[in-house]
Amino acid sequence: MLTFGGGRLFLVAGVTDMRKSFNGLAGIVRERLQADPMSRHLFFFCNRDRNRMKVLVADESGMWVLSKRLDRGTFAWPAVDAEITRVEYRAEQLALLLNGFDAEQLRARKWRRRSLTAS
């Protein structure tokens, strides 16, 4: 199983041309998001029909581009906004998105995560 720990999860709002690969997606991260594609964060992109997704992530040896295509249905993808070009997700929200739920329609209950450091 592949694991990419330590990075944050960012959805790139709006439509991305799925013909783009490593350099094209890294260029979007640099130019539109003002972020470093080598930062070990995971950057998620979606097509116009919202049935294909690509993920760009870097590790110690290079970059990964992962792809998913839905047989039916669409992803609940955030639209581009004048002020918002990326949306940060938690792992739980991403799991909902990948399993067909609209994470934006769900509300998290108010609670506070405990620190994992010893007291």
N, C-alpha and C. Protein backbone atom coordinates (compact mmCIF):
# COMPACT_ATOMS: atom_id res chain seq x y z
N MET A 1 0.83 -1.18 0.00
CA MET A 1 0.00 0.00 0.00
C MET A 1 0.88 1.24 0.00
N LEU A 2 0.50 2.21 -0.79
CA LEU A 2 1.21 3.47 -0.82
C LEU A 2 0.73 4.36 0.30
N THR A 3 1.66 5.02 0.96
CA THR A 3 1.28 6.00 1.97
C THR A 3 2.12 7.24 1.75
N PHE A 4 1.48 8.38 1.87
CA PHE A 4 2.15 9.66 1.72
C PHE A 4 1.83 10.47 2.96
N GLY A 5 2.61 10.29 3.99
CA GLY A 5 2.32 10.96 5.26
C GLY A 5 3.06 12.27 5.39
N GLY A 6 2.56 13.07 6.30
CA GLY A 6 3.25 14.30 6.64
C GLY A 6 2.82 15.52 5.87
N GLY A 7 2.17 15.34 4.75
CA GLY A 7 1.77 16.49 3.94
C GLY A 7 0.32 16.87 4.17
N ARG A 8 0.01 18.09 3.80
CA ARG A 8 -1.36 18.56 3.86
C ARG A 8 -2.06 18.22 2.55
N LEU A 9 -3.39 18.26 2.53
CA LEU A 9 -4.19 17.89 1.37
C LEU A 9 -4.87 19.12 0.81
N PHE A 10 -4.59 19.43 -0.45
CA PHE A 10 -5.17 20.61 -1.08
C PHE A 10 -5.93 20.22 -2.35
N LEU A 11 -7.19 20.63 -2.45
CA LEU A 11 -7.96 20.48 -3.68
C LEU A 11 -7.79 21.77 -4.46
N VAL A 12 -7.43 21.66 -5.73
CA VAL A 12 -7.32 22.82 -6.60
C VAL A 12 -8.71 23.10 -7.15
N ALA A 13 -9.31 24.20 -6.72
CA ALA A 13 -10.68 24.52 -7.09
C ALA A 13 -10.81 24.72 -8.59
N GLY A 14 -11.97 24.38 -9.12
CA GLY A 14 -12.24 24.58 -10.53
C GLY A 14 -11.77 23.42 -11.39
N VAL A 15 -11.67 23.68 -12.67
CA VAL A 15 -11.39 22.67 -13.69
C VAL A 15 -9.90 22.66 -14.05
N THR A 16 -9.36 21.45 -14.22
CA THR A 16 -7.98 21.28 -14.68
C THR A 16 -7.99 20.40 -15.92
N ASP A 17 -7.15 20.75 -16.88
CA ASP A 17 -6.98 19.96 -18.10
C ASP A 17 -6.26 18.66 -17.71
N MET A 18 -6.93 17.53 -17.86
CA MET A 18 -6.36 16.25 -17.45
C MET A 18 -5.27 15.73 -18.39
N ARG A 19 -4.98 16.47 -19.46
CA ARG A 19 -3.85 16.08 -20.30
C ARG A 19 -2.53 16.48 -19.65
N LYS A 20 -2.59 17.33 -18.64
CA LYS A 20 -1.37 17.76 -17.95
C LYS A 20 -0.81 16.62 -17.12
N SER A 21 0.51 16.59 -17.04
CA SER A 21 1.17 15.57 -16.24
C SER A 21 2.08 16.27 -15.23
N PHE A 22 3.23 15.70 -14.95
CA PHE A 22 4.12 16.20 -13.89
C PHE A 22 4.39 17.70 -13.99
N ASN A 23 4.99 18.14 -15.08
CA ASN A 23 5.39 19.54 -15.20
C ASN A 23 4.20 20.49 -15.26
N GLY A 24 3.16 20.11 -15.99
CA GLY A 24 1.98 20.96 -16.10
C GLY A 24 1.27 21.14 -14.77
N LEU A 25 1.09 20.05 -14.02
CA LEU A 25 0.44 20.14 -12.72
C LEU A 25 1.31 20.89 -11.72
N ALA A 26 2.63 20.65 -11.76
CA ALA A 26 3.54 21.38 -10.88
C ALA A 26 3.50 22.88 -11.19
N GLY A 27 3.36 23.23 -12.46
CA GLY A 27 3.24 24.64 -12.84
C GLY A 27 1.98 25.28 -12.27
N ILE A 28 0.88 24.56 -12.26
CA ILE A 28 -0.36 25.07 -11.66
C ILE A 28 -0.16 25.30 -10.16
N VAL A 29 0.50 24.36 -9.50
CA VAL A 29 0.75 24.50 -8.06
C VAL A 29 1.58 25.75 -7.80
N ARG A 30 2.63 25.95 -8.60
CA ARG A 30 3.50 27.12 -8.40
C ARG A 30 2.79 28.43 -8.73
N GLU A 31 2.13 28.50 -9.87
CA GLU A 31 1.57 29.76 -10.35
C GLU A 31 0.23 30.11 -9.71
N ARG A 32 -0.72 29.19 -9.72
CA ARG A 32 -2.06 29.50 -9.19
C ARG A 32 -2.12 29.44 -7.68
N LEU A 33 -1.43 28.46 -7.09
CA LEU A 33 -1.53 28.28 -5.64
C LEU A 33 -0.40 28.95 -4.87
N GLN A 34 0.62 29.41 -5.59
CA GLN A 34 1.79 30.01 -4.93
C GLN A 34 2.37 29.05 -3.89
N ALA A 35 2.48 27.78 -4.26
CA ALA A 35 2.98 26.74 -3.36
C ALA A 35 4.11 25.98 -4.03
N ASP A 36 4.84 25.23 -3.24
CA ASP A 36 5.96 24.45 -3.73
C ASP A 36 5.50 23.02 -4.03
N PRO A 37 5.54 22.58 -5.28
CA PRO A 37 5.10 21.22 -5.60
C PRO A 37 5.97 20.14 -4.97
N MET A 38 7.17 20.49 -4.52
CA MET A 38 8.06 19.52 -3.89
C MET A 38 7.90 19.49 -2.36
N SER A 39 6.86 20.09 -1.86
CA SER A 39 6.66 20.25 -0.42
C SER A 39 6.15 19.01 0.30
N ARG A 40 5.85 17.95 -0.42
CA ARG A 40 5.27 16.72 0.12
C ARG A 40 3.78 16.86 0.45
N HIS A 41 3.19 18.00 0.13
CA HIS A 41 1.75 18.13 0.25
C HIS A 41 1.12 17.40 -0.94
N LEU A 42 -0.11 16.98 -0.79
CA LEU A 42 -0.84 16.33 -1.87
C LEU A 42 -1.75 17.35 -2.52
N PHE A 43 -1.68 17.47 -3.83
CA PHE A 43 -2.48 18.42 -4.60
C PHE A 43 -3.42 17.64 -5.51
N PHE A 44 -4.73 17.89 -5.37
CA PHE A 44 -5.75 17.15 -6.09
C PHE A 44 -6.35 18.04 -7.17
N PHE A 45 -6.53 17.49 -8.37
CA PHE A 45 -7.06 18.21 -9.52
C PHE A 45 -8.23 17.42 -10.09
N CYS A 46 -9.20 18.12 -10.68
CA CYS A 46 -10.38 17.45 -11.24
C CYS A 46 -10.70 18.03 -12.62
N ASN A 47 -11.30 17.21 -13.47
CA ASN A 47 -11.64 17.65 -14.83
C ASN A 47 -13.00 18.34 -14.88
N ARG A 48 -13.36 18.83 -16.05
CA ARG A 48 -14.62 19.57 -16.24
C ARG A 48 -15.85 18.72 -15.91
N ASP A 49 -15.83 17.46 -16.31
CA ASP A 49 -16.98 16.58 -16.06
C ASP A 49 -17.03 16.06 -14.62
N ARG A 50 -15.99 16.34 -13.84
CA ARG A 50 -15.85 15.93 -12.44
C ARG A 50 -15.88 14.41 -12.25
N ASN A 51 -15.41 13.68 -13.28
CA ASN A 51 -15.36 12.23 -13.15
C ASN A 51 -13.94 11.69 -13.20
N ARG A 52 -12.97 12.59 -13.28
CA ARG A 52 -11.55 12.20 -13.26
C ARG A 52 -10.80 13.09 -12.29
N MET A 53 -9.85 12.49 -11.60
CA MET A 53 -9.06 13.21 -10.63
C MET A 53 -7.60 12.81 -10.78
N LYS A 54 -6.72 13.77 -10.58
CA LYS A 54 -5.28 13.49 -10.52
C LYS A 54 -4.74 14.05 -9.22
N VAL A 55 -3.70 13.37 -8.72
CA VAL A 55 -3.04 13.79 -7.49
C VAL A 55 -1.56 13.95 -7.79
N LEU A 56 -1.00 15.07 -7.38
CA LEU A 56 0.43 15.33 -7.52
C LEU A 56 1.04 15.35 -6.13
N VAL A 57 2.07 14.57 -5.93
CA VAL A 57 2.77 14.54 -4.65
C VAL A 57 4.24 14.24 -4.90
N ALA A 58 5.10 14.81 -4.09
CA ALA A 58 6.54 14.57 -4.20
C ALA A 58 7.00 13.75 -3.00
N ASP A 59 7.98 12.89 -3.23
CA ASP A 59 8.63 12.19 -2.13
C ASP A 59 10.13 12.44 -2.24
N GLU A 60 10.92 11.69 -1.50
CA GLU A 60 12.36 11.97 -1.47
C GLU A 60 13.07 11.68 -2.79
N SER A 61 12.44 10.93 -3.68
CA SER A 61 13.12 10.58 -4.92
C SER A 61 12.52 11.22 -6.17
N GLY A 62 11.40 11.90 -6.04
CA GLY A 62 10.79 12.50 -7.22
C GLY A 62 9.33 12.80 -7.00
N MET A 63 8.59 12.84 -8.12
CA MET A 63 7.17 13.17 -8.07
C MET A 63 6.31 11.99 -8.48
N TRP A 64 5.11 11.95 -7.92
CA TRP A 64 4.09 10.98 -8.28
C TRP A 64 2.91 11.72 -8.89
N VAL A 65 2.30 11.12 -9.91
CA VAL A 65 1.01 11.56 -10.41
C VAL A 65 0.12 10.32 -10.37
N LEU A 66 -0.93 10.41 -9.58
CA LEU A 66 -1.89 9.32 -9.47
C LEU A 66 -3.19 9.77 -10.12
N SER A 67 -3.94 8.83 -10.66
CA SER A 67 -5.14 9.18 -11.40
C SER A 67 -6.29 8.26 -11.01
N LYS A 68 -7.49 8.81 -10.98
CA LYS A 68 -8.69 8.01 -10.73
C LYS A 68 -9.78 8.45 -11.70
N ARG A 69 -10.49 7.46 -12.26
CA ARG A 69 -11.62 7.73 -13.14
C ARG A 69 -12.83 7.01 -12.58
N LEU A 70 -13.93 7.74 -12.45
CA LEU A 70 -15.16 7.12 -11.97
C LEU A 70 -15.89 6.46 -13.14
N ASP A 71 -16.44 5.30 -12.91
CA ASP A 71 -17.26 4.64 -13.92
C ASP A 71 -18.62 5.32 -14.03
N ARG A 72 -19.16 5.75 -12.88
CA ARG A 72 -20.44 6.46 -12.84
C ARG A 72 -20.35 7.55 -11.79
N GLY A 73 -21.15 8.59 -11.97
CA GLY A 73 -21.22 9.64 -10.97
C GLY A 73 -20.12 10.68 -11.13
N THR A 74 -20.11 11.61 -10.18
CA THR A 74 -19.13 12.70 -10.22
C THR A 74 -18.60 12.97 -8.81
N PHE A 75 -17.47 13.66 -8.77
CA PHE A 75 -16.92 14.14 -7.51
C PHE A 75 -17.60 15.45 -7.14
N ALA A 76 -17.80 15.68 -5.86
CA ALA A 76 -18.34 16.96 -5.37
C ALA A 76 -17.15 17.92 -5.26
N TRP A 77 -16.86 18.62 -6.35
CA TRP A 77 -15.64 19.42 -6.43
C TRP A 77 -15.93 20.89 -6.20
N PRO A 78 -15.08 21.60 -5.46
CA PRO A 78 -15.32 23.03 -5.23
C PRO A 78 -15.11 23.84 -6.51
N ALA A 79 -16.00 24.81 -6.71
CA ALA A 79 -15.89 25.70 -7.87
C ALA A 79 -14.82 26.75 -7.59
N VAL A 80 -14.25 27.29 -8.66
CA VAL A 80 -13.24 28.33 -8.51
C VAL A 80 -13.95 29.61 -8.09
N ASP A 81 -13.31 30.36 -7.22
CA ASP A 81 -13.84 31.61 -6.69
C ASP A 81 -12.77 32.66 -6.91
N ALA A 82 -13.17 33.91 -6.93
CA ALA A 82 -12.20 35.00 -7.14
C ALA A 82 -11.12 34.99 -6.06
N GLU A 83 -11.48 34.58 -4.86
CA GLU A 83 -10.52 34.58 -3.75
C GLU A 83 -9.97 33.20 -3.43
N ILE A 84 -10.69 32.16 -3.80
CA ILE A 84 -10.30 30.80 -3.40
C ILE A 84 -9.80 30.02 -4.62
N THR A 85 -8.53 29.61 -4.57
CA THR A 85 -8.00 28.76 -5.63
C THR A 85 -7.67 27.37 -5.11
N ARG A 86 -7.57 27.24 -3.78
CA ARG A 86 -7.32 25.93 -3.20
C ARG A 86 -8.14 25.78 -1.94
N VAL A 87 -8.50 24.54 -1.65
CA VAL A 87 -9.28 24.22 -0.47
C VAL A 87 -8.52 23.14 0.28
N GLU A 88 -8.22 23.40 1.53
CA GLU A 88 -7.51 22.40 2.32
C GLU A 88 -8.51 21.43 2.93
N TYR A 89 -8.24 20.14 2.80
CA TYR A 89 -9.10 19.10 3.34
C TYR A 89 -8.34 18.33 4.40
N ARG A 90 -9.08 17.75 5.32
CA ARG A 90 -8.53 16.79 6.27
C ARG A 90 -8.68 15.41 5.63
N ALA A 91 -7.97 14.44 6.15
CA ALA A 91 -8.02 13.07 5.60
C ALA A 91 -9.45 12.52 5.63
N GLU A 92 -10.21 12.85 6.67
CA GLU A 92 -11.59 12.36 6.77
C GLU A 92 -12.46 12.95 5.66
N GLN A 93 -12.27 14.22 5.36
CA GLN A 93 -13.04 14.85 4.29
C GLN A 93 -12.68 14.25 2.94
N LEU A 94 -11.39 13.98 2.73
CA LEU A 94 -10.96 13.37 1.48
C LEU A 94 -11.57 11.99 1.31
N ALA A 95 -11.59 11.21 2.40
CA ALA A 95 -12.19 9.88 2.33
C ALA A 95 -13.67 9.97 1.93
N LEU A 96 -14.38 10.96 2.46
CA LEU A 96 -15.78 11.15 2.08
C LEU A 96 -15.89 11.49 0.59
N LEU A 97 -15.06 12.42 0.13
CA LEU A 97 -15.08 12.84 -1.27
C LEU A 97 -14.82 11.65 -2.19
N LEU A 98 -13.81 10.85 -1.88
CA LEU A 98 -13.45 9.71 -2.73
C LEU A 98 -14.51 8.61 -2.70
N ASN A 99 -15.34 8.60 -1.68
CA ASN A 99 -16.39 7.59 -1.57
C ASN A 99 -17.76 8.12 -1.97
N GLY A 100 -17.80 9.28 -2.63
CA GLY A 100 -19.04 9.76 -3.22
C GLY A 100 -19.86 10.71 -2.39
N PHE A 101 -19.34 11.18 -1.27
CA PHE A 101 -20.07 12.12 -0.44
C PHE A 101 -19.63 13.54 -0.72
N ASP A 102 -20.51 14.49 -0.44
CA ASP A 102 -20.17 15.91 -0.55
C ASP A 102 -19.73 16.37 0.83
N ALA A 103 -18.43 16.46 1.04
CA ALA A 103 -17.89 16.83 2.34
C ALA A 103 -18.29 18.24 2.75
N GLU A 104 -18.58 19.11 1.80
CA GLU A 104 -18.97 20.48 2.12
C GLU A 104 -20.37 20.53 2.72
N GLN A 105 -21.22 19.55 2.42
CA GLN A 105 -22.58 19.52 2.94
C GLN A 105 -22.65 18.98 4.36
N LEU A 106 -21.61 18.30 4.79
CA LEU A 106 -21.57 17.74 6.14
C LEU A 106 -20.95 18.75 7.09
N ARG A 107 -21.41 18.76 8.29
CA ARG A 107 -20.88 19.67 9.30
C ARG A 107 -20.14 18.87 10.36
N ALA A 108 -18.95 19.28 10.68
CA ALA A 108 -18.20 18.63 11.75
C ALA A 108 -18.72 19.15 13.09
N ARG A 109 -18.85 18.27 14.04
CA ARG A 109 -19.24 18.68 15.38
C ARG A 109 -18.08 19.39 16.04
N LYS A 110 -18.39 20.32 16.91
CA LYS A 110 -17.34 21.08 17.59
C LYS A 110 -16.71 20.20 18.66
N TRP A 111 -15.43 19.99 18.51
CA TRP A 111 -14.63 19.29 19.49
C TRP A 111 -13.19 19.64 19.24
N ARG A 112 -12.36 19.35 20.15
CA ARG A 112 -10.96 19.74 20.05
C ARG A 112 -10.10 18.50 20.10
N ARG A 113 -9.16 18.41 19.17
CA ARG A 113 -8.22 17.30 19.17
C ARG A 113 -7.25 17.46 20.33
N ARG A 114 -6.98 16.37 21.00
CA ARG A 114 -6.00 16.41 22.08
C ARG A 114 -4.61 16.34 21.49
N SER A 115 -3.71 16.98 22.15
CA SER A 115 -2.31 16.95 21.71
C SER A 115 -1.73 15.58 21.99
N LEU A 116 -0.92 15.09 21.07
CA LEU A 116 -0.30 13.79 21.24
C LEU A 116 0.98 13.84 22.05
N THR A 117 1.40 15.03 22.43
CA THR A 117 2.62 15.15 23.23
C THR A 117 2.34 14.77 24.66
N ALA A 118 3.33 14.20 25.30
CA ALA A 118 3.18 13.80 26.70
C ALA A 118 3.12 15.02 27.60
N SER A 119 2.26 14.93 28.64
CA SER A 119 2.16 16.08 29.54
C SER A 119 2.80 15.83 30.87
